[in-house]
């Protein structure tokens, strides 16, 4: 890439220190010639495992990646953002945050268009999806906030589209790709705004998941089933709950992804105590919105 990408952490609109130890642990092994024992060089070069390179400037108060390659270099940037809580700021693109709570700490000019991607979904590929459009391509508007499905683009439930919404008739720049449960609803073409504002659910008497597990208030059931994008599963998808509330859907996960979430693996093995668990089910990963416990359920072909 010929332009720059920045990594900054903000508190009350001002730059705040990042964890310098995390920066050294992530970038030290890929720094050409090695990193000094203390502090940071004025600028330095990194070379990732796939051969991708970048020039790095800065320190714990902010890093700039100049002339960076995609691929593993962006994976390093994503890891730094996850570990330090910093925002990824691609040039001429929206800020990428890992928590909705951080939006209010951004400078006011950056808040409205900032994108929130759950830490588990923030990868180099996710960053690439934000920066990949060419300058002549349109800029997509910010999506509505979905507390129970915080990153629907990363999970594949929402994708870019220039077609008008079949519900509201407006061209919104995005379209929902998940299931719709209704008698007369269209199979596709609903925009995420009609889901968020309840217009699609009201017009078609529709839900976007087949059910919700657990005893939760009726307003939570309404929000999860009728105002949240669903997801595609082998069988009819349902929503997990925890701490008396709907959990946040993070995406599909296989055995490798689940290694980071032992409590989710425990919940899966409780569901499938026999050998079926070892046959490689597709898991659907959730996180409690209150205690951050990871949950999962699995289905099979």
Protein backbone atom coordinates (compact mmCIF):
# COMPACT_ATOMS: atom_id res chain seq x y z
CA UNK A 1 0.00 0.00 0.00
CA UNK A 2 1.24 3.53 -0.77
CA UNK A 3 -0.67 5.21 2.07
CA UNK A 4 -0.52 5.04 5.83
CA UNK A 5 -2.38 3.33 8.63
CA UNK A 6 -2.34 4.57 12.22
CA UNK A 7 -2.79 2.96 15.62
CA UNK A 8 -3.91 5.33 18.36
CA UNK A 9 -5.65 4.95 21.71
CA UNK A 10 -7.85 7.84 22.89
CA UNK A 11 -9.23 8.84 26.28
CA UNK A 12 -11.63 11.79 26.40
CA UNK A 13 -10.66 12.81 22.88
CA UNK A 14 -6.92 12.93 23.56
CA UNK A 15 -4.16 10.42 22.68
CA UNK A 16 -3.40 8.08 25.58
CA UNK A 17 -0.46 5.72 26.13
CA UNK A 18 -0.62 2.19 24.78
CA UNK A 19 0.98 -0.83 26.43
CA UNK A 20 4.60 -0.55 25.27
CA UNK A 21 5.37 -4.10 26.37
CA UNK A 22 2.65 -5.37 24.03
CA UNK A 23 4.11 -3.31 21.17
CA UNK A 24 7.55 -4.78 21.75
CA UNK A 25 6.20 -8.34 22.04
CA UNK A 26 4.25 -8.09 18.78
CA UNK A 27 6.66 -6.06 16.63
CA UNK A 28 10.01 -7.00 18.19
CA UNK A 29 10.26 -10.44 16.53
CA UNK A 30 9.58 -9.00 13.06
CA UNK A 31 11.74 -5.86 13.36
CA UNK A 32 14.55 -5.91 10.83
CA UNK A 33 17.85 -5.82 12.72
CA UNK A 34 16.10 -6.21 16.06
CA UNK A 35 14.57 -3.69 18.44
CA UNK A 36 16.73 -1.83 21.01
CA UNK A 37 16.63 -3.07 24.60
CA UNK A 38 14.74 0.03 25.72
CA UNK A 39 12.60 2.58 23.92
CA UNK A 40 11.76 2.66 20.24
CA UNK A 41 13.78 3.78 17.20
CA UNK A 42 12.71 6.96 15.44
CA UNK A 43 11.53 4.66 12.66
CA UNK A 44 12.11 1.04 11.80
CA UNK A 45 11.27 -1.63 9.25
CA UNK A 46 9.31 -4.79 9.91
CA UNK A 47 9.09 -7.94 7.81
CA UNK A 48 6.27 -10.38 8.55
CA UNK A 49 6.40 -14.15 8.11
CA UNK A 50 4.78 -13.99 4.66
CA UNK A 51 7.44 -11.50 3.48
CA UNK A 52 5.19 -8.45 3.78
CA UNK A 53 6.95 -5.27 4.87
CA UNK A 54 6.13 -1.92 6.44
CA UNK A 55 7.89 1.17 7.78
CA UNK A 56 6.90 1.93 11.36
CA UNK A 57 7.11 5.31 13.08
CA UNK A 58 6.15 6.25 16.61
CA UNK A 59 6.02 4.92 20.15
CA UNK A 60 3.53 4.13 22.89
CA UNK A 61 1.54 7.29 22.13
CA UNK A 62 0.84 6.27 18.54
CA UNK A 63 2.18 4.18 15.69
CA UNK A 64 2.19 4.83 11.96
CA UNK A 65 2.53 2.00 9.43
CA UNK A 66 3.72 3.44 6.13
CA UNK A 67 3.96 1.62 2.78
CA UNK A 68 2.56 -1.45 4.46
CA UNK A 69 1.78 -4.76 2.83
CA UNK A 70 -1.49 -6.58 3.34
CA UNK A 71 -1.51 -10.08 4.74
CA UNK A 72 0.50 -10.83 7.87
CA UNK A 73 1.41 -7.17 8.45
CA UNK A 74 -2.28 -6.37 8.93
CA UNK A 75 -2.60 -9.38 11.24
CA UNK A 76 0.11 -7.78 13.40
CA UNK A 77 -1.79 -4.47 13.42
CA UNK A 78 -4.98 -6.32 14.42
CA UNK A 79 -3.16 -8.12 17.25
CA UNK A 80 -1.81 -4.81 18.54
CA UNK A 81 -5.29 -3.27 18.49
CA UNK A 82 -6.73 -6.22 20.40
CA UNK A 83 -3.97 -6.18 23.03
CA UNK A 84 -3.72 -2.42 23.57
CA UNK A 85 -7.34 -1.34 23.04
CA UNK A 86 -6.18 1.13 20.40
CA UNK A 87 -8.21 2.10 17.36
CA UNK A 88 -7.03 1.24 13.86
CA UNK A 89 -7.18 4.36 11.71
CA UNK A 90 -6.71 3.66 8.00
CA UNK A 91 -6.08 6.74 5.91
CA UNK A 92 -9.34 8.12 4.45
CA UNK A 93 -11.38 5.30 6.05
CA UNK A 94 -13.42 4.98 9.26
CA UNK A 95 -11.72 4.20 12.56
CA UNK A 96 -11.96 0.52 13.57
CA UNK A 97 -12.65 -0.01 17.29
CA UNK A 98 -12.93 -3.21 19.32
CA UNK A 99 -15.50 -1.82 21.82
CA UNK A 100 -18.54 0.39 21.37
CA UNK A 101 -17.64 2.08 24.68
CA UNK A 102 -14.50 3.52 23.04
CA UNK A 103 -16.50 5.54 20.49
CA UNK A 104 -17.15 8.30 23.02
CA UNK A 105 -13.41 8.66 23.66
CA UNK A 106 -12.60 9.42 20.02
CA UNK A 107 -12.17 12.99 18.82
CA UNK A 108 -15.64 14.18 17.84
CA UNK A 109 -14.83 14.28 14.13
CA UNK A 110 -14.07 10.53 14.11
CA UNK A 111 -17.01 9.21 16.16
CA UNK A 112 -19.95 9.02 13.79
CA UNK A 113 -18.40 6.77 11.14
CA UNK A 114 -16.29 4.58 13.45
CA UNK A 115 -16.79 0.84 12.95
CA UNK A 116 -16.90 -1.56 15.90
CA UNK A 117 -15.49 -5.04 15.29
CA UNK A 118 -15.48 -7.50 18.19
CA UNK A 119 -11.93 -8.42 19.30
CA UNK A 120 -12.42 -12.03 18.20
CA UNK A 121 -13.38 -10.86 14.70
CA UNK A 122 -10.67 -8.18 14.31
CA UNK A 123 -8.13 -9.78 12.01
CA UNK A 124 -5.96 -8.51 9.22
CA UNK A 125 -8.63 -9.63 6.78
CA UNK A 126 -11.26 -7.58 8.62
CA UNK A 127 -9.02 -4.49 8.33
CA UNK A 128 -8.47 -5.27 4.66
CA UNK A 129 -12.24 -5.29 4.08
CA UNK A 130 -12.37 -1.70 5.33
CA UNK A 131 -9.43 -0.36 3.33
CA UNK A 132 -9.80 -2.44 0.15
CA UNK A 133 -12.32 -0.29 -1.80
CA UNK A 134 -10.58 1.75 -4.47
CA UNK A 135 -10.90 5.56 -4.33
CA UNK A 136 -13.50 5.57 -7.10
CA UNK A 137 -15.78 3.19 -5.20
CA UNK A 138 -18.48 4.56 -2.93
CA UNK A 139 -18.10 4.90 0.80
CA UNK A 140 -20.70 2.82 2.63
CA UNK A 141 -22.69 4.51 5.40
CA UNK A 142 -22.21 3.43 9.00
CA UNK A 143 -24.35 0.48 10.02
CA UNK A 144 -26.87 0.70 12.86
CA UNK A 145 -25.66 -0.58 16.22
CA UNK A 146 -26.60 -4.20 16.92
CA UNK A 147 -25.74 -4.99 20.56
CA UNK A 148 -26.56 -8.69 20.10
CA UNK A 149 -24.66 -9.02 16.81
CA UNK A 150 -21.90 -6.39 16.99
CA UNK A 151 -20.04 -7.24 13.76
CA UNK A 152 -22.57 -8.49 11.17
CA UNK A 153 -20.28 -7.69 8.21
CA UNK A 154 -17.41 -9.71 9.70
CA UNK A 155 -19.75 -12.65 10.37
CA UNK A 156 -21.15 -12.53 6.82
CA UNK A 157 -24.72 -11.69 7.84
CA UNK A 158 -24.56 -8.26 6.17
CA UNK A 159 -22.79 -7.51 2.92
CA UNK A 160 -22.31 -4.51 0.63
CA UNK A 161 -25.01 -3.99 -2.01
CA UNK A 162 -26.11 -1.19 -4.32
CA UNK A 163 -29.60 -2.65 -4.79
CA UNK A 164 -32.61 -0.93 -3.18
CA UNK A 165 -34.05 -2.55 -0.06
CA UNK A 166 -37.12 -4.67 -0.79
CA UNK A 167 -38.74 -3.40 2.41
CA UNK A 168 -38.16 0.37 2.42
CA UNK A 169 -37.26 0.85 -1.24
CA UNK A 170 -34.13 2.86 -0.41
CA UNK A 171 -30.63 2.06 -1.59
CA UNK A 172 -28.76 1.79 1.72
CA UNK A 173 -25.41 0.37 0.62
CA UNK A 174 -25.85 -2.82 2.66
CA UNK A 175 -28.10 -5.88 2.55
CA UNK A 176 -28.91 -8.62 5.05
CA UNK A 177 -27.93 -12.15 3.92
CA UNK A 178 -29.21 -14.28 6.80
CA UNK A 179 -32.45 -16.21 7.30
CA UNK A 180 -35.92 -14.66 7.50
CA UNK A 181 -38.69 -16.52 9.32
CA UNK A 182 -42.07 -15.37 8.03
CA UNK A 183 -44.86 -16.60 5.80
CA UNK A 184 -44.73 -13.93 3.11
CA UNK A 185 -41.34 -12.24 3.60
CA UNK A 186 -38.81 -12.11 0.74
CA UNK A 187 -35.89 -14.52 0.98
CA UNK A 188 -33.34 -11.74 0.46
CA UNK A 189 -32.91 -8.02 -0.12
CA UNK A 190 -33.82 -6.52 3.28
CA UNK A 191 -31.48 -3.77 4.44
CA UNK A 192 -30.04 -3.86 7.98
CA UNK A 193 -31.69 -0.53 8.81
CA UNK A 194 -35.17 -2.03 8.34
CA UNK A 195 -34.12 -4.78 10.74
CA UNK A 196 -32.66 -2.40 13.35
CA UNK A 197 -35.68 -0.09 13.31
CA UNK A 198 -38.20 -2.96 13.39
CA UNK A 199 -39.77 -2.06 10.05
CA UNK A 200 -39.08 -5.44 8.42
CA UNK A 201 -40.35 -7.40 11.44
CA UNK A 202 -43.54 -5.35 11.52
CA UNK A 203 -44.21 -5.44 7.79
CA UNK A 204 -43.62 -9.18 7.34
CA UNK A 205 -44.31 -10.37 10.90
CA UNK A 206 -40.80 -11.78 10.70
CA UNK A 207 -38.03 -12.96 12.99
CA UNK A 208 -34.39 -13.38 12.00
CA UNK A 209 -33.52 -16.28 14.29
CA UNK A 210 -35.62 -19.35 14.92
CA UNK A 211 -35.64 -19.02 18.70
CA UNK A 212 -33.88 -17.90 21.84
CA UNK A 213 -32.64 -20.17 24.60
CA UNK A 214 -33.18 -19.29 28.24
CA UNK A 215 -35.50 -17.19 30.38
CA UNK A 216 -35.05 -13.53 29.46
CA UNK A 217 -37.37 -10.48 29.50
CA UNK A 218 -39.79 -10.05 26.62
CA UNK A 219 -38.06 -6.89 25.43
CA UNK A 220 -34.83 -8.91 25.02
CA UNK A 221 -36.69 -11.56 23.02
CA UNK A 222 -38.10 -8.80 20.80
CA UNK A 223 -34.69 -7.17 20.30
CA UNK A 224 -32.89 -10.43 19.52
CA UNK A 225 -35.44 -12.10 17.27
CA UNK A 226 -36.96 -9.10 15.48
CA UNK A 227 -34.37 -6.29 15.53
CA UNK A 228 -31.06 -8.17 15.18
CA UNK A 229 -29.54 -9.74 12.03
CA UNK A 230 -29.54 -13.51 12.30
CA UNK A 231 -26.95 -15.93 11.00
CA UNK A 232 -26.88 -18.95 8.71
CA UNK A 233 -26.49 -22.34 10.39
CA UNK A 234 -26.70 -25.96 9.27
CA UNK A 235 -29.91 -26.34 11.25
CA UNK A 236 -32.33 -23.61 12.35
CA UNK A 237 -30.22 -21.07 14.26
CA UNK A 238 -31.13 -20.03 17.79
CA UNK A 239 -29.73 -17.44 20.17
CA UNK A 240 -27.87 -18.18 23.41
CA UNK A 241 -28.42 -16.22 26.62
CA UNK A 242 -26.42 -15.57 29.79
CA UNK A 243 -26.83 -13.44 32.90
CA UNK A 244 -30.51 -12.93 32.09
CA UNK A 245 -29.81 -11.29 28.72
CA UNK A 246 -29.16 -12.27 25.13
CA UNK A 247 -25.52 -12.96 24.37
CA UNK A 248 -23.57 -11.27 21.57
CA UNK A 249 -23.06 -13.44 18.48
CA UNK A 250 -19.41 -13.42 17.37
CA UNK A 251 -19.50 -15.80 14.40
CA UNK A 252 -18.94 -19.38 13.32
CA UNK A 253 -15.97 -21.19 14.82
CA UNK A 254 -14.09 -24.40 14.21
CA UNK A 255 -11.83 -26.37 16.51
CA UNK A 256 -8.82 -24.07 15.99
CA UNK A 257 -10.76 -20.90 16.79
CA UNK A 258 -12.34 -22.50 19.85
CA UNK A 259 -8.95 -23.30 21.40
CA UNK A 260 -8.89 -19.73 22.76
CA UNK A 261 -12.21 -20.17 24.56
CA UNK A 262 -12.04 -23.21 26.88
CA UNK A 263 -15.32 -22.31 28.59
CA UNK A 264 -17.06 -22.45 25.20
CA UNK A 265 -15.50 -25.85 24.52
CA UNK A 266 -16.76 -27.06 27.91
CA UNK A 267 -20.29 -25.98 27.01
CA UNK A 268 -20.05 -27.84 23.70
CA UNK A 269 -18.82 -31.03 25.32
CA UNK A 270 -21.70 -30.81 27.80
CA UNK A 271 -24.07 -30.78 24.81
CA UNK A 272 -22.28 -33.56 22.96
CA UNK A 273 -20.71 -35.89 25.55
CA UNK A 274 -20.32 -38.73 23.06
CA UNK A 275 -18.00 -39.05 20.07
CA UNK A 276 -20.14 -36.79 17.86
CA UNK A 277 -18.27 -33.76 19.19
CA UNK A 278 -15.04 -35.12 17.71
CA UNK A 279 -16.54 -35.32 14.21
CA UNK A 280 -15.94 -31.62 13.64
CA UNK A 281 -19.23 -29.79 14.19
CA UNK A 282 -19.64 -26.17 13.20
CA UNK A 283 -19.85 -24.08 16.37
CA UNK A 284 -21.63 -20.76 16.80
CA UNK A 285 -19.71 -18.58 19.23
CA UNK A 286 -21.32 -16.06 21.59
CA UNK A 287 -20.08 -13.81 24.42
CA UNK A 288 -22.08 -12.75 27.47
CA UNK A 289 -22.68 -9.00 27.35
CA UNK A 290 -22.31 -8.74 31.14
CA UNK A 291 -19.64 -11.17 32.41
CA UNK A 292 -17.82 -11.79 29.07
CA UNK A 293 -18.15 -15.58 29.38
CA UNK A 294 -17.87 -17.27 25.98
CA UNK A 295 -20.63 -19.69 24.98
CA UNK A 296 -21.18 -21.88 21.98
CA UNK A 297 -23.50 -24.44 20.53
CA UNK A 298 -22.94 -26.74 17.60
CA UNK A 299 -24.93 -28.42 14.89
CA UNK A 300 -24.10 -30.91 12.19
CA UNK A 301 -24.80 -31.44 8.52
